[in-house]
Amino acid sequence: MQKTLMSLGFTEIDTQVYLFLSTEGPKKARDIAEALNLYNPQLYHILKKLQNRGLVNISHDFPAFFSAVLFEKVLDYLVKAKKEQHKTLQESKEELLSAWRSIINKDSEDNC
């Protein structure tokens, strides 16, 4: 599972945090940091990134509990992200090709 998530754009540490929360259930940051041997600032950065991507939920308790979103929703998110990347690339295809052609033509002219 770790290799699959990493191939979809997760870093190794992102993957470890997500899988830990998926298997262990909601945890406080301190418990996650201890279990995965991470420093708190590093962990909070990862948790914030995963939360921004919609992959981790944070409770309103104090201290907060962090939990993983269901894997099915993670896959939905990743599929949506890849579709958006495809759409963006498709929309900029002609502009990219035009820029490429001008680079190639400029290099050809410079070599003459």
C-alpha atoms as a PDB file:
ATOM      1  CA  MET A   1       0.000   0.000   0.000  1.00  0.00           C
ATOM      2  CA  GLN A   2       2.865   2.361   0.809  1.00  0.00           C
ATOM      3  CA  LYS A   3       4.364   1.988  -2.669  1.00  0.00           C
ATOM      4  CA  THR A   4       0.968   2.606  -4.254  1.00  0.00           C
ATOM      5  CA  LEU A   5       0.370   5.789  -2.280  1.00  0.00           C
ATOM      6  CA  MET A   6       3.873   7.024  -3.037  1.00  0.00           C
ATOM      7  CA  SER A   7       3.345   6.380  -6.739  1.00  0.00           C
ATOM      8  CA  LEU A   8       0.256   8.595  -6.464  1.00  0.00           C
ATOM      9  CA  GLY A   9       2.223  11.542  -5.128  1.00  0.00           C
ATOM     10  CA  PHE A  10       2.469  10.952  -1.389  1.00  0.00           C
ATOM     11  CA  THR A  11       5.877  11.324   0.210  1.00  0.00           C
ATOM     12  CA  GLU A  12       7.169   8.446   2.305  1.00  0.00           C
ATOM     13  CA  ILE A  13       6.416  10.290   5.537  1.00  0.00           C
ATOM     14  CA  ASP A  14       2.939  11.368   4.330  1.00  0.00           C
ATOM     15  CA  THR A  15       2.233   7.737   3.613  1.00  0.00           C
ATOM     16  CA  GLN A  16       3.456   6.576   7.009  1.00  0.00           C
ATOM     17  CA  VAL A  17       1.288   9.112   8.807  1.00  0.00           C
ATOM     18  CA  TYR A  18      -1.797   8.313   6.716  1.00  0.00           C
ATOM     19  CA  LEU A  19      -1.374   4.536   7.115  1.00  0.00           C
ATOM     20  CA  PHE A  20      -0.734   4.878  10.851  1.00  0.00           C
ATOM     21  CA  LEU A  21      -3.933   6.871  11.325  1.00  0.00           C
ATOM     22  CA  SER A  22      -5.842   4.471   9.085  1.00  0.00           C
ATOM     23  CA  THR A  23      -4.832   1.436  11.103  1.00  0.00           C
ATOM     24  CA  GLU A  24      -4.646   2.925  14.600  1.00  0.00           C
ATOM     25  CA  GLY A  25      -7.630   5.265  14.519  1.00  0.00           C
ATOM     26  CA  PRO A  26      -7.792   8.828  15.818  1.00  0.00           C
ATOM     27  CA  LYS A  27      -4.640   9.901  17.654  1.00  0.00           C
ATOM     28  CA  LYS A  28      -3.162  12.986  19.271  1.00  0.00           C
ATOM     29  CA  ALA A  29      -0.159  14.511  17.534  1.00  0.00           C
ATOM     30  CA  ARG A  30       2.087  13.505  20.430  1.00  0.00           C
ATOM     31  CA  ASP A  31       1.110   9.845  20.002  1.00  0.00           C
ATOM     32  CA  ILE A  32       1.699   9.960  16.246  1.00  0.00           C
ATOM     33  CA  ALA A  33       5.084  11.645  16.687  1.00  0.00           C
ATOM     34  CA  GLU A  34       6.194   9.062  19.252  1.00  0.00           C
ATOM     35  CA  ALA A  35       5.002   6.095  17.221  1.00  0.00           C
ATOM     36  CA  LEU A  36       6.629   7.296  13.987  1.00  0.00           C
ATOM     37  CA  ASN A  37       9.671   8.905  15.600  1.00  0.00           C
ATOM     38  CA  LEU A  38       8.921  12.358  14.159  1.00  0.00           C
ATOM     39  CA  TYR A  39       9.560  15.822  15.547  1.00  0.00           C
ATOM     40  CA  ASN A  40       6.413  17.820  16.329  1.00  0.00           C
ATOM     41  CA  PRO A  41       7.067  20.670  13.841  1.00  0.00           C
ATOM     42  CA  GLN A  42       7.664  18.113  11.083  1.00  0.00           C
ATOM     43  CA  LEU A  43       4.527  16.176  12.021  1.00  0.00           C
ATOM     44  CA  TYR A  44       2.317  19.283  12.175  1.00  0.00           C
ATOM     45  CA  HIS A  45       3.520  20.296   8.719  1.00  0.00           C
ATOM     46  CA  ILE A  46       2.629  16.835   7.355  1.00  0.00           C
ATOM     47  CA  LEU A  47      -0.755  16.788   9.109  1.00  0.00           C
ATOM     48  CA  LYS A  48      -1.597  20.247   7.770  1.00  0.00           C
ATOM     49  CA  LYS A  49      -0.629  19.205   4.247  1.00  0.00           C
ATOM     50  CA  LEU A  50      -2.724  16.031   4.492  1.00  0.00           C
ATOM     51  CA  GLN A  51      -5.637  18.022   5.920  1.00  0.00           C
ATOM     52  CA  ASN A  52      -5.420  20.563   3.081  1.00  0.00           C
ATOM     53  CA  ARG A  53      -5.576  17.684   0.609  1.00  0.00           C
ATOM     54  CA  GLY A  54      -8.673  16.355   2.385  1.00  0.00           C
ATOM     55  CA  LEU A  55      -6.957  13.180   3.586  1.00  0.00           C
ATOM     56  CA  VAL A  56      -6.884  13.800   7.330  1.00  0.00           C
ATOM     57  CA  ASN A  57      -9.535  15.192   9.673  1.00  0.00           C
ATOM     58  CA  ILE A  58      -8.803  17.190  12.807  1.00  0.00           C
ATOM     59  CA  SER A  59     -11.143  17.232  15.793  1.00  0.00           C
ATOM     60  CA  HIS A  60     -12.134  20.403  17.609  1.00  0.00           C
ATOM     61  CA  ASP A  61     -11.032  18.913  20.940  1.00  0.00           C
ATOM     62  CA  PHE A  62      -8.047  20.098  22.896  1.00  0.00           C
ATOM     63  CA  PRO A  63      -5.691  18.518  22.374  1.00  0.00           C
ATOM     64  CA  ALA A  64      -6.863  17.758  18.872  1.00  0.00           C
ATOM     65  CA  PHE A  65      -7.233  14.248  17.526  1.00  0.00           C
ATOM     66  CA  PHE A  66      -6.212  13.453  13.973  1.00  0.00           C
ATOM     67  CA  SER A  67      -7.906  10.753  11.902  1.00  0.00           C
ATOM     68  CA  ALA A  68      -7.497   9.401   8.393  1.00  0.00           C
ATOM     69  CA  VAL A  69     -10.221   9.862   5.811  1.00  0.00           C
ATOM     70  CA  LEU A  70     -11.564   6.607   4.376  1.00  0.00           C
ATOM     71  CA  PHE A  71      -9.264   5.200   1.694  1.00  0.00           C
ATOM     72  CA  GLU A  72     -12.119   5.223  -0.814  1.00  0.00           C
ATOM     73  CA  LYS A  73     -12.312   9.012  -0.451  1.00  0.00           C
ATOM     74  CA  VAL A  74      -8.539   9.256  -0.843  1.00  0.00           C
ATOM     75  CA  LEU A  75      -8.797   7.401  -4.135  1.00  0.00           C
ATOM     76  CA  ASP A  76     -11.646   9.682  -5.233  1.00  0.00           C
ATOM     77  CA  TYR A  77      -9.486  12.704  -4.391  1.00  0.00           C
ATOM     78  CA  LEU A  78      -6.512  11.314  -6.323  1.00  0.00           C
ATOM     79  CA  VAL A  79      -8.646  10.490  -9.366  1.00  0.00           C
ATOM     80  CA  LYS A  80     -10.073  14.022  -9.313  1.00  0.00           C
ATOM     81  CA  ALA A  81      -6.588  15.540  -9.015  1.00  0.00           C
ATOM     82  CA  LYS A  82      -5.284  13.495 -11.944  1.00  0.00           C
ATOM     83  CA  LYS A  83      -8.300  14.501 -14.065  1.00  0.00           C
ATOM     84  CA  GLU A  84      -7.628  18.165 -13.279  1.00  0.00           C
ATOM     85  CA  GLN A  85      -3.946  17.732 -14.212  1.00  0.00           C
ATOM     86  CA  HIS A  86      -4.988  16.110 -17.487  1.00  0.00           C
ATOM     87  CA  LYS A  87      -7.441  18.921 -18.229  1.00  0.00           C
ATOM     88  CA  THR A  88      -4.830  21.589 -17.486  1.00  0.00           C
ATOM     89  CA  LEU A  89      -2.262  19.886 -19.697  1.00  0.00           C
ATOM     90  CA  GLN A  90      -4.789  19.446 -22.504  1.00  0.00           C
ATOM     91  CA  GLU A  91      -5.790  23.120 -22.290  1.00  0.00           C
ATOM     92  CA  SER A  92      -2.178  24.306 -22.469  1.00  0.00           C
ATOM     93  CA  LYS A  93      -1.057  21.791 -25.101  1.00  0.00           C
ATOM     94  CA  GLU A  94      -1.075  24.196 -28.078  1.00  0.00           C
ATOM     95  CA  GLU A  95       0.693  26.920 -26.114  1.00  0.00           C
ATOM     96  CA  LEU A  96       3.361  24.454 -24.975  1.00  0.00           C
ATOM     97  CA  LEU A  97       3.851  23.135 -28.506  1.00  0.00           C
ATOM     98  CA  SER A  98       4.140  26.678 -29.863  1.00  0.00           C
ATOM     99  CA  ALA A  99       6.760  27.555 -27.253  1.00  0.00           C
ATOM    100  CA  TRP A 100       8.624  24.325 -28.020  1.00  0.00           C
ATOM    101  CA  ARG A 101       8.627  25.049 -31.750  1.00  0.00           C
ATOM    102  CA  SER A 102      10.019  28.546 -31.198  1.00  0.00           C
ATOM    103  CA  ILE A 103      12.808  27.123 -29.014  1.00  0.00           C
ATOM    104  CA  ILE A 104      13.677  24.524 -31.639  1.00  0.00           C
ATOM    105  CA  ASN A 105      13.528  27.078 -34.477  1.00  0.00           C
ATOM    106  CA  LYS A 106      15.691  29.555 -32.521  1.00  0.00           C
ATOM    107  CA  ASP A 107      18.287  26.835 -31.873  1.00  0.00           C
ATOM    108  CA  SER A 108      18.266  25.894 -35.575  1.00  0.00           C
ATOM    109  CA  GLU A 109      18.795  29.523 -36.590  1.00  0.00           C
ATOM    110  CA  ASP A 110      21.596  29.993 -34.062  1.00  0.00           C
ATOM    111  CA  ASN A 111      23.447  26.955 -35.442  1.00  0.00           C
ATOM    112  CA  CYS A 112      23.416  28.292 -39.033  1.00  0.00           C
END
